[in-house]
Each structure stands twice: as structure tokens, then as C-alpha cells.
C-alpha atoms as a PDB file:
ATOM      1  CA  MET A   1       0.000   0.000   0.000  1.00  0.00           C
ATOM      2  CA  ASN A   2       1.194   3.527  -0.721  1.00  0.00           C
ATOM      3  CA  PRO A   3       2.255   5.107   2.612  1.00  0.00           C
ATOM      4  CA  ALA A   4       0.295   8.375   2.492  1.00  0.00           C
ATOM      5  CA  PRO A   5       2.170  10.983   4.593  1.00  0.00           C
ATOM      6  CA  SER A   6      -1.087  12.298   6.086  1.00  0.00           C
ATOM      7  CA  ILE A   7      -2.063   8.871   7.471  1.00  0.00           C
ATOM      8  CA  VAL A   8       1.467   8.082   8.658  1.00  0.00           C
ATOM      9  CA  LEU A   9       1.565  11.403  10.529  1.00  0.00           C
ATOM     10  CA  PHE A  10      -1.968  10.916  11.840  1.00  0.00           C
ATOM     11  CA  THR A  11      -1.385   7.481  13.352  1.00  0.00           C
ATOM     12  CA  THR A  12       2.012   8.492  14.774  1.00  0.00           C
ATOM     13  CA  ALA A  13       1.086  11.879  16.258  1.00  0.00           C
ATOM     14  CA  SER A  14      -2.343  10.930  17.553  1.00  0.00           C
ATOM     15  CA  GLY A  15      -0.998   7.655  18.951  1.00  0.00           C
ATOM     16  CA  ALA A  16       1.710   9.518  20.855  1.00  0.00           C
ATOM     17  CA  GLY A  17      -0.831  12.068  22.094  1.00  0.00           C
ATOM     18  CA  TYR A  18      -3.301   9.440  23.271  1.00  0.00           C
ATOM     19  CA  GLY A  19      -0.485   7.497  24.913  1.00  0.00           C
ATOM     20  CA  LEU A  20       0.597  10.604  26.787  1.00  0.00           C
ATOM     21  CA  LEU A  21      -3.001  11.366  27.781  1.00  0.00           C
ATOM     22  CA  PHE A  22      -3.475   7.803  29.051  1.00  0.00           C
ATOM     23  CA  TRP A  23      -0.403   7.778  31.264  1.00  0.00           C
ATOM     24  CA  LEU A  24      -1.096  11.290  32.538  1.00  0.00           C
ATOM     25  CA  GLY A  25      -4.655  10.400  33.563  1.00  0.00           C
ATOM     26  CA  LEU A  26      -3.754   7.027  35.088  1.00  0.00           C
ATOM     27  CA  LEU A  27      -0.462   7.807  36.828  1.00  0.00           C
ATOM     28  CA  ARG A  28      -1.665  11.141  38.190  1.00  0.00           C
ATOM     29  CA  ALA A  29      -4.693   9.421  39.744  1.00  0.00           C
ATOM     30  CA  LEU A  30      -2.343   6.863  41.337  1.00  0.00           C
ATOM     31  CA  GLY A  31       0.009   9.559  42.626  1.00  0.00           C
ATOM     32  CA  LEU A  32       2.947   8.244  40.576  1.00  0.00           C
ATOM     33  CA  VAL A  33       3.723  11.495  38.727  1.00  0.00           C
ATOM     34  CA  PRO A  34       3.909  15.093  39.983  1.00  0.00           C
ATOM     35  CA  ALA A  35       0.613  16.347  41.402  1.00  0.00           C
ATOM     36  CA  SER A  36       1.503  19.906  40.399  1.00  0.00           C
ATOM     37  CA  PRO A  37      -1.237  21.519  38.260  1.00  0.00           C
ATOM     38  CA  ALA A  38       1.508  23.107  36.161  1.00  0.00           C
ATOM     39  CA  PHE A  39       2.900  19.679  35.292  1.00  0.00           C
ATOM     40  CA  GLY A  40      -0.557  18.353  34.487  1.00  0.00           C
ATOM     41  CA  LEU A  41      -1.398  21.316  32.271  1.00  0.00           C
ATOM     42  CA  MET A  42       1.902  21.080  30.408  1.00  0.00           C
ATOM     43  CA  ALA A  43       1.508  17.361  29.719  1.00  0.00           C
ATOM     44  CA  LEU A  44      -2.172  17.717  28.830  1.00  0.00           C
ATOM     45  CA  LEU A  45      -1.583  20.555  26.390  1.00  0.00           C
ATOM     46  CA  LEU A  46       1.171  18.565  24.648  1.00  0.00           C
ATOM     47  CA  ALA A  47      -1.119  15.525  24.415  1.00  0.00           C
ATOM     48  CA  LEU A  48      -4.007  17.541  22.985  1.00  0.00           C
ATOM     49  CA  LEU A  49      -1.691  19.302  20.536  1.00  0.00           C
ATOM     50  CA  LEU A  50      -0.432  15.955  19.191  1.00  0.00           C
ATOM     51  CA  ILE A  51      -3.946  14.481  19.050  1.00  0.00           C
ATOM     52  CA  THR A  52      -5.415  17.485  17.266  1.00  0.00           C
ATOM     53  CA  PHE A  53      -2.528  17.707  14.803  1.00  0.00           C
ATOM     54  CA  GLY A  54      -2.915  14.006  14.034  1.00  0.00           C
ATOM     55  CA  LEU A  55      -6.671  14.214  13.519  1.00  0.00           C
ATOM     56  CA  LEU A  56      -6.378  17.284  11.292  1.00  0.00           C
ATOM     57  CA  SER A  57      -3.659  15.651   9.191  1.00  0.00           C
ATOM     58  CA  SER A  58      -5.940  12.647   8.612  1.00  0.00           C
ATOM     59  CA  LEU A  59      -8.490  14.948   6.950  1.00  0.00           C
ATOM     60  CA  LYS A  60      -5.978  15.665   4.188  1.00  0.00           C
ATOM     61  CA  HIS A  61      -6.328  12.066   3.079  1.00  0.00           C
ATOM     62  CA  LEU A  62     -10.018  12.541   2.343  1.00  0.00           C
ATOM     63  CA  GLY A  63     -11.259  13.564  -1.078  1.00  0.00           C
ATOM     64  CA  ARG A  64     -13.956  15.761   0.494  1.00  0.00           C
ATOM     65  CA  PRO A  65     -12.796  16.727   4.020  1.00  0.00           C
ATOM     66  CA  GLU A  66     -15.908  18.854   4.566  1.00  0.00           C
ATOM     67  CA  ARG A  67     -17.959  15.652   4.541  1.00  0.00           C
ATOM     68  CA  ALA A  68     -15.864  13.906   7.202  1.00  0.00           C
ATOM     69  CA  TRP A  69     -18.647  14.362   9.756  1.00  0.00           C
ATOM     70  CA  ARG A  70     -20.789  11.865   7.843  1.00  0.00           C
ATOM     71  CA  ALA A  71     -18.436   9.046   8.831  1.00  0.00           C
ATOM     72  CA  LEU A  72     -19.592   9.410  12.446  1.00  0.00           C
ATOM     73  CA  SER A  73     -23.040   8.044  11.586  1.00  0.00           C
ATOM     74  CA  GLN A  74     -21.804   4.526  10.776  1.00  0.00           C
ATOM     75  CA  TRP A  75     -20.514   3.632  14.249  1.00  0.00           C
ATOM     76  CA  ARG A  76     -22.600   0.432  14.389  1.00  0.00           C
ATOM     77  CA  SER A  77     -20.605  -1.204  11.602  1.00  0.00           C
ATOM     78  CA  SER A  78     -17.494   0.866  10.884  1.00  0.00           C
ATOM     79  CA  TRP A  79     -14.335   0.984  12.991  1.00  0.00           C
ATOM     80  CA  LEU A  80     -13.447   4.254  11.257  1.00  0.00           C
ATOM     81  CA  SER A  81     -16.701   5.744  12.472  1.00  0.00           C
ATOM     82  CA  ARG A  82     -16.143   4.349  15.971  1.00  0.00           C
ATOM     83  CA  GLU A  83     -12.688   5.884  15.996  1.00  0.00           C
ATOM     84  CA  GLY A  84     -14.133   9.291  15.108  1.00  0.00           C
ATOM     85  CA  VAL A  85     -16.814   9.053  17.804  1.00  0.00           C
ATOM     86  CA  ALA A  86     -14.285   7.921  20.417  1.00  0.00           C
ATOM     87  CA  ALA A  87     -11.834  10.667  19.425  1.00  0.00           C
ATOM     88  CA  LEU A  88     -14.451  13.416  19.752  1.00  0.00           C
ATOM     89  CA  ALA A  89     -15.838  11.934  22.979  1.00  0.00           C
ATOM     90  CA  THR A  90     -12.369  11.891  24.537  1.00  0.00           C
ATOM     91  CA  TYR A  91     -12.100  15.651  24.119  1.00  0.00           C
ATOM     92  CA  VAL A  92     -14.887  16.072  26.702  1.00  0.00           C
ATOM     93  CA  PRO A  93     -13.115  14.571  29.759  1.00  0.00           C
ATOM     94  CA  ALA A  94      -9.797  15.963  28.496  1.00  0.00           C
ATOM     95  CA  GLY A  95     -11.299  19.471  28.395  1.00  0.00           C
ATOM     96  CA  LEU A  96     -12.814  19.015  31.855  1.00  0.00           C
ATOM     97  CA  LEU A  97      -9.432  17.801  33.094  1.00  0.00           C
ATOM     98  CA  PHE A  98      -7.887  21.015  31.795  1.00  0.00           C
ATOM     99  CA  LEU A  99     -10.456  23.070  33.739  1.00  0.00           C
ATOM    100  CA  ALA A 100     -10.004  20.964  36.866  1.00  0.00           C
ATOM    101  CA  LEU A 101      -6.236  21.472  36.781  1.00  0.00           C
ATOM    102  CA  LEU A 102      -6.680  25.167  36.112  1.00  0.00           C
ATOM    103  CA  LEU A 103      -9.053  25.526  39.083  1.00  0.00           C
ATOM    104  CA  GLY A 104      -7.074  23.204  41.339  1.00  0.00           C
ATOM    105  CA  ASN A 105      -9.987  20.783  41.815  1.00  0.00           C
ATOM    106  CA  ALA A 106      -8.132  17.537  42.668  1.00  0.00           C
ATOM    107  CA  PRO A 107     -11.151  15.152  42.876  1.00  0.00           C
ATOM    108  CA  LEU A 108     -12.499  16.338  39.512  1.00  0.00           C
ATOM    109  CA  ALA A 109      -9.029  16.129  37.986  1.00  0.00           C
ATOM    110  CA  MET A 110      -8.713  12.510  39.137  1.00  0.00           C
ATOM    111  CA  LEU A 111     -12.106  11.511  37.734  1.00  0.00           C
ATOM    112  CA  THR A 112     -11.752  13.289  34.403  1.00  0.00           C
ATOM    113  CA  GLY A 113      -8.160  12.066  34.061  1.00  0.00           C
ATOM    114  CA  LEU A 114      -9.267   8.454  34.361  1.00  0.00           C
ATOM    115  CA  LEU A 115     -12.127   9.014  31.903  1.00  0.00           C
ATOM    116  CA  ALA A 116      -9.746  10.659  29.424  1.00  0.00           C
ATOM    117  CA  ALA A 117      -7.345   7.711  29.824  1.00  0.00           C
ATOM    118  CA  ALA A 118     -10.174   5.277  29.044  1.00  0.00           C
ATOM    119  CA  GLY A 119     -11.141   7.333  25.992  1.00  0.00           C
ATOM    120  CA  ALA A 120      -7.538   7.307  24.790  1.00  0.00           C
ATOM    121  CA  VAL A 121      -7.383   3.498  24.959  1.00  0.00           C
ATOM    122  CA  ALA A 122     -10.720   3.138  23.153  1.00  0.00           C
ATOM    123  CA  THR A 123      -9.676   5.519  20.368  1.00  0.00           C
ATOM    124  CA  VAL A 124      -6.306   3.851  19.732  1.00  0.00           C
ATOM    125  CA  TRP A 125      -7.933   0.408  19.746  1.00  0.00           C
ATOM    126  CA  CYS A 126     -10.461   1.588  17.147  1.00  0.00           C
ATOM    127  CA  THR A 127      -7.629   2.950  15.003  1.00  0.00           C
ATOM    128  CA  GLY A 128      -5.864  -0.399  15.083  1.00  0.00           C
ATOM    129  CA  MET A 129      -9.076  -2.254  14.290  1.00  0.00           C
ATOM    130  CA  ILE A 130      -9.638  -0.131  11.182  1.00  0.00           C
ATOM    131  CA  TYR A 131      -6.681  -1.971   9.656  1.00  0.00           C
ATOM    132  CA  ALA A 132      -7.056  -5.323  11.421  1.00  0.00           C
ATOM    133  CA  SER A 133     -10.622  -5.659  10.119  1.00  0.00           C
ATOM    134  CA  LEU A 134      -9.567  -5.438   6.444  1.00  0.00           C
ATOM    135  CA  ARG A 135      -9.533  -9.003   5.134  1.00  0.00           C
ATOM    136  CA  THR A 136      -8.233  -7.815   1.766  1.00  0.00           C
ATOM    137  CA  VAL A 137      -4.840  -6.858   3.244  1.00  0.00           C
ATOM    138  CA  ARG A 138      -3.076  -9.929   4.623  1.00  0.00           C
ATOM    139  CA  GLN A 139      -0.476  -8.022   6.634  1.00  0.00           C
ATOM    140  CA  TRP A 140      -3.135  -5.944   8.402  1.00  0.00           C
ATOM    141  CA  HIS A 141      -5.732  -8.637   9.017  1.00  0.00           C
ATOM    142  CA  HIS A 142      -3.602  -9.900  11.882  1.00  0.00           C
ATOM    143  CA  PRO A 143      -4.299 -10.223  15.636  1.00  0.00           C
ATOM    144  CA  MET A 144      -1.083  -8.373  16.550  1.00  0.00           C
ATOM    145  CA  VAL A 145      -2.039  -5.189  14.689  1.00  0.00           C
ATOM    146  CA  PRO A 146      -4.454  -3.556  17.207  1.00  0.00           C
ATOM    147  CA  TRP A 147      -2.283  -4.636  20.145  1.00  0.00           C
ATOM    148  CA  GLY A 148       0.700  -3.128  18.378  1.00  0.00           C
ATOM    149  CA  TYR A 149      -1.117   0.189  18.120  1.00  0.00           C
ATOM    150  CA  LEU A 150      -1.739   0.136  21.880  1.00  0.00           C
ATOM    151  CA  VAL A 151       1.850  -0.846  22.750  1.00  0.00           C
ATOM    152  CA  PHE A 152       3.431   1.739  20.447  1.00  0.00           C
ATOM    153  CA  ALA A 153       1.096   4.505  21.653  1.00  0.00           C
ATOM    154  CA  GLY A 154       1.826   3.617  25.273  1.00  0.00           C
ATOM    155  CA  PHE A 155       5.561   3.474  24.605  1.00  0.00           C
ATOM    156  CA  CYS A 156       5.701   6.849  22.891  1.00  0.00           C
ATOM    157  CA  GLY A 157       3.352   8.414  25.464  1.00  0.00           C
ATOM    158  CA  ALA A 158       5.443   7.227  28.406  1.00  0.00           C
ATOM    159  CA  ALA A 159       8.626   8.390  26.653  1.00  0.00           C
ATOM    160  CA  LEU A 160       7.085  11.870  26.279  1.00  0.00           C
ATOM    161  CA  LEU A 161       5.796  11.984  29.851  1.00  0.00           C
ATOM    162  CA  ALA A 162       9.130  10.994  31.406  1.00  0.00           C
ATOM    163  CA  PRO A 163      11.144  14.149  30.504  1.00  0.00           C
ATOM    164  CA  LEU A 164       8.253  16.366  31.623  1.00  0.00           C
ATOM    165  CA  ALA A 165       8.091  14.549  34.960  1.00  0.00           C
ATOM    166  CA  ALA A 166      11.886  14.836  35.247  1.00  0.00           C
ATOM    167  CA  LEU A 167      11.537  18.620  35.536  1.00  0.00           C
ATOM    168  CA  TRP A 168       9.711  17.952  38.824  1.00  0.00           C
ATOM    169  CA  GLY A 169      12.148  15.226  39.860  1.00  0.00           C
ATOM    170  CA  GLN A 170       9.645  12.370  39.432  1.00  0.00           C
ATOM    171  CA  ALA A 171      10.602  10.670  36.194  1.00  0.00           C
ATOM    172  CA  ARG A 172      11.287   7.205  37.613  1.00  0.00           C
ATOM    173  CA  ILE A 173       7.889   5.575  37.015  1.00  0.00           C
ATOM    174  CA  PRO A 174       7.287   6.950  33.485  1.00  0.00           C
ATOM    175  CA  ALA A 175      10.884   6.051  32.546  1.00  0.00           C
ATOM    176  CA  ILE A 176      10.436   2.473  33.803  1.00  0.00           C
ATOM    177  CA  ILE A 177       7.181   2.163  31.849  1.00  0.00           C
ATOM    178  CA  ALA A 178       8.847   3.540  28.715  1.00  0.00           C
ATOM    179  CA  ALA A 179      11.702   1.052  29.061  1.00  0.00           C
ATOM    180  CA  LEU A 180       9.361  -1.903  29.593  1.00  0.00           C
ATOM    181  CA  LEU A 181       7.132  -0.945  26.673  1.00  0.00           C
ATOM    182  CA  GLY A 182      10.193  -0.302  24.496  1.00  0.00           C
ATOM    183  CA  ALA A 183      11.339  -3.871  25.130  1.00  0.00           C
ATOM    184  CA  GLY A 184       7.781  -5.067  24.508  1.00  0.00           C
ATOM    185  CA  ALA A 185       7.626  -3.119  21.237  1.00  0.00           C
ATOM    186  CA  ILE A 186      10.799  -4.831  20.012  1.00  0.00           C
ATOM    187  CA  ALA A 187       9.467  -8.291  20.871  1.00  0.00           C
ATOM    188  CA  LEU A 188       6.041  -7.633  19.357  1.00  0.00           C
ATOM    189  CA  LYS A 189       7.383  -6.140  16.141  1.00  0.00           C
ATOM    190  CA  ARG A 190       9.859  -8.974  15.609  1.00  0.00           C
ATOM    191  CA  ALA A 191       7.086 -11.528  16.151  1.00  0.00           C
ATOM    192  CA  TYR A 192       4.807  -9.646  13.732  1.00  0.00           C
ATOM    193  CA  TRP A 193       7.457  -9.465  11.026  1.00  0.00           C
ATOM    194  CA  ASP A 194       8.264 -13.167  11.451  1.00  0.00           C
ATOM    195  CA  SER A 195       4.555 -13.915  11.051  1.00  0.00           C
ATOM    196  CA  ILE A 196       3.958 -11.903   7.877  1.00  0.00           C
ATOM    197  CA  ASP A 197       7.239 -13.141   6.346  1.00  0.00           C
ATOM    198  CA  ALA A 198       6.236 -16.785   6.844  1.00  0.00           C
ATOM    199  CA  PRO A 199       4.908 -18.745   3.847  1.00  0.00           C
ATOM    200  CA  LYS A 200       1.286 -17.927   3.085  1.00  0.00           C
ATOM    201  CA  PRO A 201      -1.315 -20.387   4.382  1.00  0.00           C
ATOM    202  CA  ALA A 202      -3.004 -22.650   1.876  1.00  0.00           C
ATOM    203  CA  ALA A 203      -6.259 -20.700   2.226  1.00  0.00           C
ATOM    204  CA  ALA A 204      -4.622 -17.389   1.259  1.00  0.00           C
ATOM    205  CA  PRO A 205      -5.938 -15.739  -1.948  1.00  0.00           C
ATOM    206  CA  THR A 206      -3.933 -16.455  -5.080  1.00  0.00           C
ATOM    207  CA  ILE A 207      -4.131 -15.276  -8.671  1.00  0.00           C
ATOM    208  CA  GLU A 208      -5.832 -18.598  -9.452  1.00  0.00           C
ATOM    209  CA  SER A 209      -8.567 -18.077  -6.857  1.00  0.00           C
ATOM    210  CA  ALA A 210      -8.954 -14.394  -7.716  1.00  0.00           C
ATOM    211  CA  THR A 211      -9.441 -15.023 -11.429  1.00  0.00           C
ATOM    212  CA  GLY A 212     -11.286 -18.336 -11.057  1.00  0.00           C
ATOM    213  CA  LEU A 213      -8.807 -20.000 -13.425  1.00  0.00           C
ATOM    214  CA  GLY A 214      -7.258 -22.304 -10.871  1.00  0.00           C
ATOM    215  CA  ARG A 215      -9.072 -25.326 -12.311  1.00  0.00           C
ATOM    216  CA  ILE A 216      -7.017 -24.931 -15.474  1.00  0.00           C
ATOM    217  CA  GLY A 217      -3.686 -24.834 -13.669  1.00  0.00           C
ATOM    218  CA  ALA A 218      -1.022 -22.279 -12.730  1.00  0.00           C
ATOM    219  CA  THR A 219      -2.002 -18.774 -13.804  1.00  0.00           C
ATOM    220  CA  ARG A 220       0.112 -15.742 -14.613  1.00  0.00           C
ATOM    221  CA  PRO A 221      -0.682 -12.354 -16.210  1.00  0.00           C
ATOM    222  CA  LEU A 222       0.453 -12.098 -19.809  1.00  0.00           C
ATOM    223  CA  ASP A 223       0.067  -8.327 -20.190  1.00  0.00           C
ATOM    224  CA  PRO A 224      -0.731  -5.574 -17.702  1.00  0.00           C
ATOM    225  CA  PRO A 225      -4.369  -4.395 -17.706  1.00  0.00           C
ATOM    226  CA  HIS A 226      -3.260  -0.795 -18.343  1.00  0.00           C
ATOM    227  CA  THR A 227      -0.503   0.849 -20.346  1.00  0.00           C
ATOM    228  CA  GLU A 228      -0.045   3.501 -17.627  1.00  0.00           C
ATOM    229  CA  GLN A 229      -0.299   3.580 -13.870  1.00  0.00           C
ATOM    230  CA  THR A 230      -3.765   3.951 -12.361  1.00  0.00           C
ATOM    231  CA  TRP A 231      -4.980   4.831  -8.889  1.00  0.00           C
ATOM    232  CA  LEU A 232      -5.159   1.113  -8.054  1.00  0.00           C
ATOM    233  CA  THR A 233      -1.613   0.340  -9.150  1.00  0.00           C
ATOM    234  CA  ARG A 234      -0.270   3.458  -7.471  1.00  0.00           C
ATOM    235  CA  GLU A 235      -2.095   3.109  -4.145  1.00  0.00           C
ATOM    236  CA  MET A 236      -2.809  -0.626  -3.788  1.00  0.00           C
ATOM    237  CA  SER A 237       0.209  -2.185  -5.507  1.00  0.00           C
ATOM    238  CA  PHE A 238       2.969  -0.109  -3.955  1.00  0.00           C
ATOM    239  CA  ARG A 239       6.198  -2.084  -3.495  1.00  0.00           C
ATOM    240  CA  VAL A 240       9.087  -1.249  -1.192  1.00  0.00           C
ATOM    241  CA  ALA A 241      12.484  -2.594  -2.227  1.00  0.00           C
ATOM    242  CA  ARG A 242      13.697  -5.461  -0.068  1.00  0.00           C
ATOM    243  CA  ALA A 243      16.963  -3.661   0.716  1.00  0.00           C
ATOM    244  CA  HIS A 244      15.055  -0.591   1.939  1.00  0.00           C
ATOM    245  CA  ARG A 245      12.659  -2.744   3.936  1.00  0.00           C
ATOM    246  CA  VAL A 246      15.511  -4.506   5.761  1.00  0.00           C
ATOM    247  CA  LYS A 247      17.230  -1.197   6.526  1.00  0.00           C
ATOM    248  CA  LEU A 248      14.029   0.381   7.835  1.00  0.00           C
ATOM    249  CA  ARG A 249      13.277  -2.642   9.996  1.00  0.00           C
ATOM    250  CA  ARG A 250      16.730  -2.450  11.536  1.00  0.00           C
ATOM    251  CA  LEU A 251      16.360   1.306  11.992  1.00  0.00           C
ATOM    252  CA  THR A 252      13.013   0.822  13.751  1.00  0.00           C
ATOM    253  CA  LEU A 253      14.322  -1.814  16.155  1.00  0.00           C
ATOM    254  CA  THR A 254      17.487   0.210  16.789  1.00  0.00           C
ATOM    255  CA  GLY A 255      15.345   3.235  17.656  1.00  0.00           C
ATOM    256  CA  PHE A 256      13.222   1.210  20.071  1.00  0.00           C
ATOM    257  CA  ALA A 257      16.345  -0.250  21.699  1.00  0.00           C
ATOM    258  CA  LEU A 258      18.175   3.087  21.973  1.00  0.00           C
ATOM    259  CA  ALA A 259      15.151   4.830  23.526  1.00  0.00           C
ATOM    260  CA  THR A 260      14.810   1.948  25.996  1.00  0.00           C
ATOM    261  CA  VAL A 261      18.492   2.099  26.987  1.00  0.00           C
ATOM    262  CA  LEU A 262      18.390   5.873  27.464  1.00  0.00           C
ATOM    263  CA  ALA A 263      15.314   5.544  29.681  1.00  0.00           C
ATOM    264  CA  LEU A 264      17.096   2.921  31.798  1.00  0.00           C
ATOM    265  CA  PHE A 265      20.251   5.042  32.096  1.00  0.00           C
ATOM    266  CA  ALA A 266      18.139   7.988  33.270  1.00  0.00           C
ATOM    267  CA  LEU A 267      16.641   6.068  36.223  1.00  0.00           C
ATOM    268  CA  PRO A 268      19.364   6.797  38.815  1.00  0.00           C
ATOM    269  CA  LEU A 269      19.817  10.413  37.722  1.00  0.00           C
ATOM    270  CA  PRO A 270      18.163  13.410  39.402  1.00  0.00           C
ATOM    271  CA  GLY A 271      15.714  15.785  37.686  1.00  0.00           C
ATOM    272  CA  ALA A 272      17.492  17.903  35.092  1.00  0.00           C
ATOM    273  CA  LEU A 273      20.222  15.331  34.453  1.00  0.00           C
ATOM    274  CA  ALA A 274      17.608  12.667  33.791  1.00  0.00           C
ATOM    275  CA  ALA A 275      15.874  15.017  31.353  1.00  0.00           C
ATOM    276  CA  LEU A 276      19.078  15.259  29.326  1.00  0.00           C
ATOM    277  CA  LEU A 277      18.693  11.566  28.507  1.00  0.00           C
ATOM    278  CA  LEU A 278      14.901  11.373  28.467  1.00  0.00           C
ATOM    279  CA  VAL A 279      14.388  14.168  25.916  1.00  0.00           C
ATOM    280  CA  PRO A 280      16.440  12.403  23.205  1.00  0.00           C
ATOM    281  CA  ALA A 281      14.844   9.101  24.265  1.00  0.00           C
ATOM    282  CA  ALA A 282      11.401  10.566  23.543  1.00  0.00           C
ATOM    283  CA  ALA A 283      12.525  11.995  20.203  1.00  0.00           C
ATOM    284  CA  ILE A 284      14.088   8.686  19.151  1.00  0.00           C
ATOM    285  CA  ALA A 285      11.013   6.708  20.245  1.00  0.00           C
ATOM    286  CA  CYS A 286       8.705   8.904  18.168  1.00  0.00           C
ATOM    287  CA  ALA A 287      11.042   8.742  15.157  1.00  0.00           C
ATOM    288  CA  ALA A 288      11.165   4.937  15.421  1.00  0.00           C
ATOM    289  CA  ILE A 289       7.361   4.779  15.556  1.00  0.00           C
ATOM    290  CA  LEU A 290       7.245   6.981  12.457  1.00  0.00           C
ATOM    291  CA  ALA A 291       9.516   4.544  10.596  1.00  0.00           C
ATOM    292  CA  GLU A 292       7.474   1.576  11.862  1.00  0.00           C
ATOM    293  CA  ARG A 293       4.241   3.150  10.712  1.00  0.00           C
ATOM    294  CA  TRP A 294       5.639   3.925   7.247  1.00  0.00           C
ATOM    295  CA  LEU A 295       6.750   0.309   6.962  1.00  0.00           C
ATOM    296  CA  MET A 296       3.350  -0.966   8.080  1.00  0.00           C
ATOM    297  CA  PHE A 297       1.804   0.648   5.019  1.00  0.00           C
ATOM    298  CA  ALA A 298       4.678   0.014   2.611  1.00  0.00           C
ATOM    299  CA  GLU A 299       4.797  -3.732   3.372  1.00  0.00           C
ATOM    300  CA  ALA A 300       1.043  -4.235   3.067  1.00  0.00           C
ATOM    301  CA  THR A 301      -0.259  -5.798  -0.147  1.00  0.00           C
ATOM    302  CA  HIS A 302      -3.891  -5.553  -1.213  1.00  0.00           C
ATOM    303  CA  THR A 303      -5.604  -8.567  -2.774  1.00  0.00           C
ATOM    304  CA  VAL A 304      -6.362  -6.467  -5.869  1.00  0.00           C
ATOM    305  CA  SER A 305      -2.625  -6.677  -6.664  1.00  0.00           C
ATOM    306  CA  LEU A 306      -3.227 -10.259  -7.792  1.00  0.00           C
ATOM    307  CA  TYR A 307      -4.805  -8.923 -10.985  1.00  0.00           C
ATOM    308  CA  TYR A 308      -1.741  -6.822 -11.807  1.00  0.00           C
ATOM    309  CA  SER A 309       1.339  -8.688 -10.598  1.00  0.00           C
ATOM    310  CA  GLY A 310       0.037 -12.123  -9.658  1.00  0.00           C
ATOM    311  CA  ASP A 311       1.228 -11.593  -6.083  1.00  0.00           C
ATOM    312  CA  ALA A 312      -0.378 -10.069  -2.996  1.00  0.00           C
END
């Protein structure tokens, strides 16, 4: 699939924002991050900025962005619609959390923080299910995909929260979470890549099953259906070179590992010194997620490709 920059940015930025919102709401309620309203406001504003930027960038992928609101009406059957409803609904407790922090209302801040954290999880899960529910894309119709969205969002969110908490001298818990999720992200991504690289199951679609010519024998396209590229060949039959794919996979895993190591090294350090390691750790984590997300699209092959190349 063609990795559209708007969707890559959307899933990366909004995932990081929702991850940050989740850990802020949960850890603040548990007393594991600074209780200072200033800290809460700073983290919340960063989370909302990332979420809003991500959602707005996703509109650029639509042919008619002014009609995006219509997608909200299909929440009974569409994960895209559910994602939109969950995203908008999450703004409500997040906005109330902002007011509670501004007014210094601790009980309200705890309640709205937990509700915003729940909304963040629901929204990210819906985003992952948009892709996992597509049977026509083998690499996406996979049980690890929605869980990967949750792990990567949590990893990036914790990595962003840690340097902010370090300014108040309480980065230990977010840094530990970032390190654990960084290790989990490496394990999950390696397992996912091993799974999609394995030989296709016998029931997987083939050019024979797609064309209905399997009863005759092995089938291959003699000539391309078009003399020039079309929207289908450009968007659905995108191919990333194997050499580039291997390099990007290594780059992604290296980024996860480096961010994890920096978070671990920051644990014994006090406030500002810890931030010197946690700021680059957060930047590297987000950059690695960006590379991972680009690869997720670039490695995906739509079943329609069978009609053009004989492979999907």
C-alpha cells in the first residue's frame, strides 16, 4: 500500500498524544507522577496538541474533508466511524481535566483524568481495528495489529511523559514504563514481522482463486491491464524494495532499543540530568514509531494486486 504521509503522521502523532493522555490520567490518579497543576497542564496541552494535529492531518487524506462528519453516523458497523466518535468523545473529559487542573480541583481532575485515559485506549484500539478488520490486506488482518497500536502509543506516550516529569524530579515511574514498553515493542514487532514473512497459508488468496482459473492450472498475467499507472496500481500495488525494507526494519528496532536504553540510564539520575537523557529518548522513540508506521503501510499488499502482478 502507498504510505500516504497524512495517514502516517496521523497514526504516529495521535498515537503519541493518546499514549501521553493515558499515562497522565492514570499515573496522576495513582500519585505516581507530579501532582503539580503546572505539570498536568503542560503534559495535557502537549497531548491535545499531538492528538489534534494528528486528527487534522488525517483529513488531508479525504477527497472531500468537509464531509468527514458523515463518517460518524456509521458507528454500528465501521471501525473508522467508531474511531471518530471515540476521538471526539475523549475531548470532553480531556477538556474538563484542563479546567479541573486550572481551578485546582483535585477530585475532579482525578475523575476526568481516568475518563480521558479510558477514551484514549478506546480511540487507539479503534484505530488499530480499522486496519485489522480489512480481510483484503493480509499483513493488516492480523491479531497483533491492534495490540501493536496500543503498545506503540503507550511506549511513545510514556517516553514523552518521562522528561516532563523529570523537571519535577519524578521521572522514575514513566521512565520504567517507557523502558518496559520499548522492550515489549521490540518483541512484538519482531514476532509480527516473522509472522507476515512466513509462507502464506493454503487458504490465502492467489491469482488462481482471484481469477477463477485455478481449475485450469497455474495462472500468470500475460500483459498488464493498463498501459499507464492507475490509482489502483499506485495506491494498492505499492512495493518497497527489499533492501530498503531490511534497513528500515533495523532502523526501527534500533530506535526502540536506543530509547529503551536511554530511559534505563536515566533512572538513577536526578531531575534535570535525567531530562538530558529522556528528551532524546522521547525523540528517538517517536522517530522509530514513524519509521514503523511507514513500513506498516509500505509492506502491506492488497488482494487487488493479484490482478496486476500475480502476487499479494
